Amino acid sequence: MSNHYLATHPDSHFLAGLIAARPDGGQRYALRNNQLAIHHLDGRTERRTLAGAEEIRTVLARDFRLPLPDAPELDATLDKLAASGS
């Protein structure tokens, strides 16, 4: 029931933005809209704000291993996420 709610309710943050996470060796990548965090096993965290669609695409392909299709509407959405500052 909770999965259905989180996947379908209009107020769910899973429908309103970009969320990705992936462990890799001694670190864990976490992306929420344009905010990238790299959590290391030693407890430190690197944080970066991604500037636009091109930078988000690069991070998704390189760090999350998720290449995206070339689609102008997708780039417009990614640019909107980056401009929102969240």
PDB file of N, CA and C in Angstrom:
ATOM      1  N   MET A   1       0.822  -1.178   0.000  1.00  0.00           N
ATOM      2  CA  MET A   1       0.000   0.000   0.000  1.00  0.00           C
ATOM      3  C   MET A   1       0.882   1.264   0.000  1.00  0.00           C
ATOM      4  N   SER A   2       1.911   1.288   0.842  1.00  0.00           N
ATOM      5  CA  SER A   2       2.750   2.497   0.878  1.00  0.00           C
ATOM      6  C   SER A   2       3.481   2.702  -0.449  1.00  0.00           C
ATOM      7  N   ASN A   3       3.906   1.624  -1.098  1.00  0.00           N
ATOM      8  CA  ASN A   3       4.558   1.750  -2.402  1.00  0.00           C
ATOM      9  C   ASN A   3       3.617   2.400  -3.412  1.00  0.00           C
ATOM     10  N   HIS A   4       2.388   1.961  -3.431  1.00  0.00           N
ATOM     11  CA  HIS A   4       1.410   2.540  -4.358  1.00  0.00           C
ATOM     12  C   HIS A   4       1.222   4.033  -4.069  1.00  0.00           C
ATOM     13  N   TYR A   5       1.101   4.389  -2.801  1.00  0.00           N
ATOM     14  CA  TYR A   5       0.923   5.789  -2.424  1.00  0.00           C
ATOM     15  C   TYR A   5       2.112   6.625  -2.901  1.00  0.00           C
ATOM     16  N   LEU A   6       3.339   6.164  -2.592  1.00  0.00           N
ATOM     17  CA  LEU A   6       4.534   6.928  -2.968  1.00  0.00           C
ATOM     18  C   LEU A   6       4.716   7.023  -4.479  1.00  0.00           C
ATOM     19  N   ALA A   7       4.225   6.035  -5.199  1.00  0.00           N
ATOM     20  CA  ALA A   7       4.390   6.023  -6.644  1.00  0.00           C
ATOM     21  C   ALA A   7       3.285   6.766  -7.391  1.00  0.00           C
ATOM     22  N   THR A   8       2.155   7.055  -6.728  1.00  0.00           N
ATOM     23  CA  THR A   8       1.027   7.623  -7.465  1.00  0.00           C
ATOM     24  C   THR A   8       0.446   8.906  -6.892  1.00  0.00           C
ATOM     25  N   HIS A   9       0.654   9.181  -5.632  1.00  0.00           N
ATOM     26  CA  HIS A   9       0.025  10.358  -5.027  1.00  0.00           C
ATOM     27  C   HIS A   9       0.672  11.640  -5.553  1.00  0.00           C
ATOM     28  N   PRO A  10      -0.124  12.638  -5.916  1.00  0.00           N
ATOM     29  CA  PRO A  10       0.422  13.884  -6.483  1.00  0.00           C
ATOM     30  C   PRO A  10       1.390  14.623  -5.555  1.00  0.00           C
ATOM     31  N   ASP A  11       1.304  14.415  -4.242  1.00  0.00           N
ATOM     32  CA  ASP A  11       2.214  15.084  -3.302  1.00  0.00           C
ATOM     33  C   ASP A  11       3.508  14.309  -3.062  1.00  0.00           C
ATOM     34  N   SER A  12       3.639  13.137  -3.655  1.00  0.00           N
ATOM     35  CA  SER A  12       4.834  12.317  -3.454  1.00  0.00           C
ATOM     36  C   SER A  12       6.052  12.987  -4.082  1.00  0.00           C
ATOM     37  N   HIS A  13       7.147  13.055  -3.322  1.00  0.00           N
ATOM     38  CA  HIS A  13       8.364  13.664  -3.873  1.00  0.00           C
ATOM     39  C   HIS A  13       8.975  12.804  -4.984  1.00  0.00           C
ATOM     40  N   PHE A  14       8.561  11.552  -5.103  1.00  0.00           N
ATOM     41  CA  PHE A  14       9.056  10.704  -6.186  1.00  0.00           C
ATOM     42  C   PHE A  14       8.471  11.102  -7.542  1.00  0.00           C
ATOM     43  N   LEU A  15       7.356  11.818  -7.543  1.00  0.00           N
ATOM     44  CA  LEU A  15       6.748  12.259  -8.797  1.00  0.00           C
ATOM     45  C   LEU A  15       7.165  13.671  -9.181  1.00  0.00           C
ATOM     46  N   ALA A  16       7.683  14.428  -8.233  1.00  0.00           N
ATOM     47  CA  ALA A  16       7.930  15.848  -8.464  1.00  0.00           C
ATOM     48  C   ALA A  16       9.389  16.184  -8.778  1.00  0.00           C
ATOM     49  N   GLY A  17      10.272  15.194  -8.756  1.00  0.00           N
ATOM     50  CA  GLY A  17      11.663  15.529  -8.985  1.00  0.00           C
ATOM     51  C   GLY A  17      12.487  14.326  -9.380  1.00  0.00           C
ATOM     52  N   LEU A  18      13.786  14.530  -9.416  1.00  0.00           N
ATOM     53  CA  LEU A  18      14.749  13.508  -9.811  1.00  0.00           C
ATOM     54  C   LEU A  18      15.426  12.969  -8.559  1.00  0.00           C
ATOM     55  N   ILE A  19      15.433  11.654  -8.404  1.00  0.00           N
ATOM     56  CA  ILE A  19      16.089  11.000  -7.278  1.00  0.00           C
ATOM     57  C   ILE A  19      16.868   9.808  -7.818  1.00  0.00           C
ATOM     58  N   ALA A  20      18.144   9.723  -7.441  1.00  0.00           N
ATOM     59  CA  ALA A  20      18.967   8.578  -7.839  1.00  0.00           C
ATOM     60  C   ALA A  20      19.974   8.310  -6.737  1.00  0.00           C
ATOM     61  N   ALA A  21      20.309   7.029  -6.537  1.00  0.00           N
ATOM     62  CA  ALA A  21      21.330   6.644  -5.565  1.00  0.00           C
ATOM     63  C   ALA A  21      22.012   5.385  -6.059  1.00  0.00           C
ATOM     64  N   ARG A  22      23.325   5.280  -5.772  1.00  0.00           N
ATOM     65  CA  ARG A  22      24.068   4.096  -6.189  1.00  0.00           C
ATOM     66  C   ARG A  22      25.332   3.949  -5.352  1.00  0.00           C
ATOM     67  N   PRO A  23      25.510   2.776  -4.756  1.00  0.00           N
ATOM     68  CA  PRO A  23      26.769   2.522  -4.059  1.00  0.00           C
ATOM     69  C   PRO A  23      27.847   2.158  -5.080  1.00  0.00           C
ATOM     70  N   ASP A  24      29.088   2.489  -4.761  1.00  0.00           N
ATOM     71  CA  ASP A  24      30.196   2.157  -5.654  1.00  0.00           C
ATOM     72  C   ASP A  24      31.465   2.045  -4.832  1.00  0.00           C
ATOM     73  N   GLY A  25      31.875   0.835  -4.539  1.00  0.00           N
ATOM     74  CA  GLY A  25      33.096   0.626  -3.758  1.00  0.00           C
ATOM     75  C   GLY A  25      32.993   1.274  -2.399  1.00  0.00           C
ATOM     76  N   GLY A  26      33.862   2.216  -2.119  1.00  0.00           N
ATOM     77  CA  GLY A  26      33.894   2.877  -0.820  1.00  0.00           C
ATOM     78  C   GLY A  26      33.097   4.154  -0.736  1.00  0.00           C
ATOM     79  N   GLN A  27      32.130   4.319  -1.623  1.00  0.00           N
ATOM     80  CA  GLN A  27      31.321   5.535  -1.591  1.00  0.00           C
ATOM     81  C   GLN A  27      29.905   5.255  -2.067  1.00  0.00           C
ATOM     82  N   ARG A  28      29.036   6.227  -1.808  1.00  0.00           N
ATOM     83  CA  ARG A  28      27.646   6.131  -2.254  1.00  0.00           C
ATOM     84  C   ARG A  28      27.259   7.460  -2.877  1.00  0.00           C
ATOM     85  N   TYR A  29      26.751   7.405  -4.101  1.00  0.00           N
ATOM     86  CA  TYR A  29      26.293   8.593  -4.804  1.00  0.00           C
ATOM     87  C   TYR A  29      24.812   8.806  -4.511  1.00  0.00           C
ATOM     88  N   ALA A  30      24.430  10.052  -4.284  1.00  0.00           N
ATOM     89  CA  ALA A  30      23.024  10.396  -4.068  1.00  0.00           C
ATOM     90  C   ALA A  30      22.732  11.690  -4.824  1.00  0.00           C
ATOM     91  N   LEU A  31      21.653  11.660  -5.599  1.00  0.00           N
ATOM     92  CA  LEU A  31      21.265  12.827  -6.394  1.00  0.00           C
ATOM     93  C   LEU A  31      19.806  13.132  -6.125  1.00  0.00           C
ATOM     94  N   ARG A  32      19.533  14.383  -5.773  1.00  0.00           N
ATOM     95  CA  ARG A  32      18.155  14.855  -5.612  1.00  0.00           C
ATOM     96  C   ARG A  32      18.031  16.141  -6.408  1.00  0.00           C
ATOM     97  N   ASN A  33      17.313  16.074  -7.516  1.00  0.00           N
ATOM     98  CA  ASN A  33      17.208  17.179  -8.468  1.00  0.00           C
ATOM     99  C   ASN A  33      18.603  17.584  -8.929  1.00  0.00           C
ATOM    100  N   ASN A  34      19.105  18.737  -8.533  1.00  0.00           N
ATOM    101  CA  ASN A  34      20.442  19.150  -8.977  1.00  0.00           C
ATOM    102  C   ASN A  34      21.473  19.110  -7.847  1.00  0.00           C
ATOM    103  N   GLN A  35      21.145  18.444  -6.747  1.00  0.00           N
ATOM    104  CA  GLN A  35      22.048  18.364  -5.597  1.00  0.00           C
ATOM    105  C   GLN A  35      22.710  16.986  -5.557  1.00  0.00           C
ATOM    106  N   LEU A  36      24.017  16.952  -5.763  1.00  0.00           N
ATOM    107  CA  LEU A  36      24.779  15.711  -5.756  1.00  0.00           C
ATOM    108  C   LEU A  36      25.536  15.597  -4.445  1.00  0.00           C
ATOM    109  N   ALA A  37      25.457  14.430  -3.825  1.00  0.00           N
ATOM    110  CA  ALA A  37      26.246  14.144  -2.621  1.00  0.00           C
ATOM    111  C   ALA A  37      26.998  12.839  -2.858  1.00  0.00           C
ATOM    112  N   ILE A  38      28.252  12.829  -2.451  1.00  0.00           N
ATOM    113  CA  ILE A  38      29.067  11.624  -2.499  1.00  0.00           C
ATOM    114  C   ILE A  38      29.473  11.320  -1.067  1.00  0.00           C
ATOM    115  N   HIS A  39      28.923  10.249  -0.522  1.00  0.00           N
ATOM    116  CA  HIS A  39      29.174   9.844   0.860  1.00  0.00           C
ATOM    117  C   HIS A  39      30.289   8.793   0.858  1.00  0.00           C
ATOM    118  N   HIS A  40      31.327   9.035   1.657  1.00  0.00           N
ATOM    119  CA  HIS A  40      32.476   8.136   1.723  1.00  0.00           C
ATOM    120  C   HIS A  40      32.415   7.302   2.998  1.00  0.00           C
ATOM    121  N   LEU A  41      33.059   6.142   2.968  1.00  0.00           N
ATOM    122  CA  LEU A  41      33.058   5.243   4.126  1.00  0.00           C
ATOM    123  C   LEU A  41      33.692   5.874   5.360  1.00  0.00           C
ATOM    124  N   ASP A  42      34.608   6.813   5.166  1.00  0.00           N
ATOM    125  CA  ASP A  42      35.261   7.448   6.315  1.00  0.00           C
ATOM    126  C   ASP A  42      34.383   8.508   6.982  1.00  0.00           C
ATOM    127  N   GLY A  43      33.145   8.674   6.475  1.00  0.00           N
ATOM    128  CA  GLY A  43      32.205   9.600   7.101  1.00  0.00           C
ATOM    129  C   GLY A  43      32.094  10.962   6.447  1.00  0.00           C
ATOM    130  N   ARG A  44      33.018  11.315   5.586  1.00  0.00           N
ATOM    131  CA  ARG A  44      32.921  12.628   4.956  1.00  0.00           C
ATOM    132  C   ARG A  44      31.973  12.572   3.766  1.00  0.00           C
ATOM    133  N   THR A  45      31.425  13.742   3.447  1.00  0.00           N
ATOM    134  CA  THR A  45      30.497  13.866   2.331  1.00  0.00           C
ATOM    135  C   THR A  45      30.901  15.046   1.470  1.00  0.00           C
ATOM    136  N   GLU A  46      30.990  14.815   0.179  1.00  0.00           N
ATOM    137  CA  GLU A  46      31.216  15.888  -0.791  1.00  0.00           C
ATOM    138  C   GLU A  46      29.848  16.284  -1.340  1.00  0.00           C
ATOM    139  N   ARG A  47      29.590  17.590  -1.447  1.00  0.00           N
ATOM    140  CA  ARG A  47      28.314  18.074  -1.992  1.00  0.00           C
ATOM    141  C   ARG A  47      28.578  19.051  -3.129  1.00  0.00           C
ATOM    142  N   ARG A  48      27.759  18.932  -4.172  1.00  0.00           N
ATOM    143  CA  ARG A  48      27.872  19.820  -5.330  1.00  0.00           C
ATOM    144  C   ARG A  48      26.494  20.154  -5.853  1.00  0.00           C
ATOM    145  N   THR A  49      26.352  21.369  -6.333  1.00  0.00           N
ATOM    146  CA  THR A  49      25.132  21.769  -7.031  1.00  0.00           C
ATOM    147  C   THR A  49      25.432  21.716  -8.523  1.00  0.00           C
ATOM    148  N   LEU A  50      24.622  20.960  -9.246  1.00  0.00           N
ATOM    149  CA  LEU A  50      24.814  20.811 -10.683  1.00  0.00           C
ATOM    150  C   LEU A  50      24.135  21.964 -11.403  1.00  0.00           C
ATOM    151  N   ALA A  51      24.820  22.520 -12.405  1.00  0.00           N
ATOM    152  CA  ALA A  51      24.392  23.782 -13.014  1.00  0.00           C
ATOM    153  C   ALA A  51      23.282  23.664 -14.044  1.00  0.00           C
ATOM    154  N   GLY A  52      23.159  22.555 -14.720  1.00  0.00           N
ATOM    155  CA  GLY A  52      22.150  22.468 -15.772  1.00  0.00           C
ATOM    156  C   GLY A  52      22.040  21.077 -16.339  1.00  0.00           C
ATOM    157  N   ALA A  53      21.273  20.953 -17.413  1.00  0.00           N
ATOM    158  CA  ALA A  53      20.984  19.653 -18.013  1.00  0.00           C
ATOM    159  C   ALA A  53      22.259  18.905 -18.407  1.00  0.00           C
ATOM    160  N   GLU A  54      23.209  19.603 -18.991  1.00  0.00           N
ATOM    161  CA  GLU A  54      24.435  18.932 -19.444  1.00  0.00           C
ATOM    162  C   GLU A  54      25.196  18.322 -18.273  1.00  0.00           C
ATOM    163  N   GLU A  55      25.306  19.056 -17.183  1.00  0.00           N
ATOM    164  CA  GLU A  55      26.025  18.548 -16.015  1.00  0.00           C
ATOM    165  C   GLU A  55      25.254  17.395 -15.347  1.00  0.00           C
ATOM    166  N   ILE A  56      23.940  17.501 -15.283  1.00  0.00           N
ATOM    167  CA  ILE A  56      23.128  16.416 -14.720  1.00  0.00           C
ATOM    168  C   ILE A  56      23.268  15.163 -15.582  1.00  0.00           C
ATOM    169  N   ARG A  57      23.215  15.317 -16.893  1.00  0.00           N
ATOM    170  CA  ARG A  57      23.396  14.177 -17.807  1.00  0.00           C
ATOM    171  C   ARG A  57      24.752  13.511 -17.587  1.00  0.00           C
ATOM    172  N   THR A  58      25.800  14.319 -17.452  1.00  0.00           N
ATOM    173  CA  THR A  58      27.149  13.791 -17.260  1.00  0.00           C
ATOM    174  C   THR A  58      27.226  12.964 -15.977  1.00  0.00           C
ATOM    175  N   VAL A  59      26.679  13.494 -14.891  1.00  0.00           N
ATOM    176  CA  VAL A  59      26.705  12.793 -13.606  1.00  0.00           C
ATOM    177  C   VAL A  59      25.887  11.499 -13.681  1.00  0.00           C
ATOM    178  N   LEU A  60      24.718  11.558 -14.310  1.00  0.00           N
ATOM    179  CA  LEU A  60      23.887  10.351 -14.427  1.00  0.00           C
ATOM    180  C   LEU A  60      24.603   9.274 -15.243  1.00  0.00           C
ATOM    181  N   ALA A  61      25.297   9.660 -16.300  1.00  0.00           N
ATOM    182  CA  ALA A  61      26.011   8.688 -17.132  1.00  0.00           C
ATOM    183  C   ALA A  61      27.273   8.169 -16.444  1.00  0.00           C
ATOM    184  N   ARG A  62      28.064   9.063 -15.877  1.00  0.00           N
ATOM    185  CA  ARG A  62      29.357   8.684 -15.308  1.00  0.00           C
ATOM    186  C   ARG A  62      29.218   8.008 -13.948  1.00  0.00           C
ATOM    187  N   ASP A  63      28.507   8.640 -13.017  1.00  0.00           N
ATOM    188  CA  ASP A  63      28.460   8.156 -11.636  1.00  0.00           C
ATOM    189  C   ASP A  63      27.336   7.156 -11.386  1.00  0.00           C
ATOM    190  N   PHE A  64      26.211   7.345 -12.070  1.00  0.00           N
ATOM    191  CA  PHE A  64      25.063   6.460 -11.855  1.00  0.00           C
ATOM    192  C   PHE A  64      24.920   5.425 -12.969  1.00  0.00           C
ATOM    193  N   ARG A  65      25.733   5.573 -14.021  1.00  0.00           N
ATOM    194  CA  ARG A  65      25.731   4.634 -15.156  1.00  0.00           C
ATOM    195  C   ARG A  65      24.353   4.543 -15.813  1.00  0.00           C
ATOM    196  N   LEU A  66      23.722   5.711 -15.964  1.00  0.00           N
ATOM    197  CA  LEU A  66      22.391   5.811 -16.570  1.00  0.00           C
ATOM    198  C   LEU A  66      22.423   6.778 -17.753  1.00  0.00           C
ATOM    199  N   PRO A  67      22.840   6.325 -18.917  1.00  0.00           N
ATOM    200  CA  PRO A  67      22.805   7.220 -20.071  1.00  0.00           C
ATOM    201  C   PRO A  67      21.361   7.559 -20.434  1.00  0.00           C
ATOM    202  N   LEU A  68      21.132   8.790 -20.789  1.00  0.00           N
ATOM    203  CA  LEU A  68      19.788   9.262 -21.120  1.00  0.00           C
ATOM    204  C   LEU A  68      19.660   9.478 -22.620  1.00  0.00           C
ATOM    205  N   PRO A  69      18.460   9.333 -23.148  1.00  0.00           N
ATOM    206  CA  PRO A  69      18.261   9.580 -24.585  1.00  0.00           C
ATOM    207  C   PRO A  69      18.386  11.067 -24.901  1.00  0.00           C
ATOM    208  N   ASP A  70      18.762  11.362 -26.121  1.00  0.00           N
ATOM    209  CA  ASP A  70      18.763  12.754 -26.578  1.00  0.00           C
ATOM    210  C   ASP A  70      17.319  13.173 -26.790  1.00  0.00           C
ATOM    211  N   ALA A  71      16.849  14.088 -25.968  1.00  0.00           N
ATOM    212  CA  ALA A  71      15.462  14.543 -26.075  1.00  0.00           C
ATOM    213  C   ALA A  71      15.383  15.968 -25.551  1.00  0.00           C
ATOM    214  N   PRO A  72      15.055  16.928 -26.412  1.00  0.00           N
ATOM    215  CA  PRO A  72      14.985  18.324 -25.989  1.00  0.00           C
ATOM    216  C   PRO A  72      14.049  18.547 -24.804  1.00  0.00           C
ATOM    217  N   GLU A  73      12.935  17.829 -24.757  1.00  0.00           N
ATOM    218  CA  GLU A  73      12.005  18.008 -23.634  1.00  0.00           C
ATOM    219  C   GLU A  73      12.611  17.518 -22.323  1.00  0.00           C
ATOM    220  N   LEU A  74      13.458  16.485 -22.381  1.00  0.00           N
ATOM    221  CA  LEU A  74      14.140  16.017 -21.178  1.00  0.00           C
ATOM    222  C   LEU A  74      15.149  17.059 -20.711  1.00  0.00           C
ATOM    223  N   ASP A  75      15.907  17.612 -21.640  1.00  0.00           N
ATOM    224  CA  ASP A  75      16.876  18.651 -21.278  1.00  0.00           C
ATOM    225  C   ASP A  75      16.175  19.865 -20.668  1.00  0.00           C
ATOM    226  N   ALA A  76      15.028  20.225 -21.192  1.00  0.00           N
ATOM    227  CA  ALA A  76      14.272  21.356 -20.640  1.00  0.00           C
ATOM    228  C   ALA A  76      13.851  21.056 -19.200  1.00  0.00           C
ATOM    229  N   THR A  77      13.436  19.830 -18.944  1.00  0.00           N
ATOM    230  CA  THR A  77      13.040  19.443 -17.585  1.00  0.00           C
ATOM    231  C   THR A  77      14.245  19.444 -16.651  1.00  0.00           C
ATOM    232  N   LEU A  78      15.375  18.918 -17.116  1.00  0.00           N
ATOM    233  CA  LEU A  78      16.586  18.906 -16.288  1.00  0.00           C
ATOM    234  C   LEU A  78      17.060  20.331 -15.999  1.00  0.00           C
ATOM    235  N   ASP A  79      16.977  21.206 -16.990  1.00  0.00           N
ATOM    236  CA  ASP A  79      17.356  22.607 -16.772  1.00  0.00           C
ATOM    237  C   ASP A  79      16.423  23.265 -15.741  1.00  0.00           C
ATOM    238  N   LYS A  80      15.148  22.913 -15.793  1.00  0.00           N
ATOM    239  CA  LYS A  80      14.182  23.451 -14.815  1.00  0.00           C
ATOM    240  C   LYS A  80      14.526  22.981 -13.393  1.00  0.00           C
ATOM    241  N   LEU A  81      14.897  21.717 -13.263  1.00  0.00           N
ATOM    242  CA  LEU A  81      15.308  21.187 -11.952  1.00  0.00           C
ATOM    243  C   LEU A  81      16.543  21.925 -11.434  1.00  0.00           C
ATOM    244  N   ALA A  82      17.492  22.170 -12.320  1.00  0.00           N
ATOM    245  CA  ALA A  82      18.716  22.876 -11.918  1.00  0.00           C
ATOM    246  C   ALA A  82      18.425  24.312 -11.522  1.00  0.00           C
ATOM    247  N   ALA A  83      17.513  24.960 -12.234  1.00  0.00           N
ATOM    248  CA  ALA A  83      17.183  26.353 -11.944  1.00  0.00           C
ATOM    249  C   ALA A  83      16.385  26.504 -10.651  1.00  0.00           C
ATOM    250  N   SER A  84      15.685  25.434 -10.243  1.00  0.00           N
ATOM    251  CA  SER A  84      14.862  25.511  -9.040  1.00  0.00           C
ATOM    252  C   SER A  84      15.717  25.634  -7.777  1.00  0.00           C
ATOM    253  N   GLY A  85      17.000  25.205  -7.878  1.00  0.00           N
ATOM    254  CA  GLY A  85      17.887  25.326  -6.731  1.00  0.00           C
ATOM    255  C   GLY A  85      17.580  24.398  -5.587  1.00  0.00           C
ATOM    256  N   SER A  86      16.809  23.344  -5.832  1.00  0.00           N
ATOM    257  CA  SER A  86      16.498  22.423  -4.729  1.00  0.00           C
ATOM    258  C   SER A  86      17.109  21.080  -4.934  1.00  0.00           C
TER     259      SER A  86
END
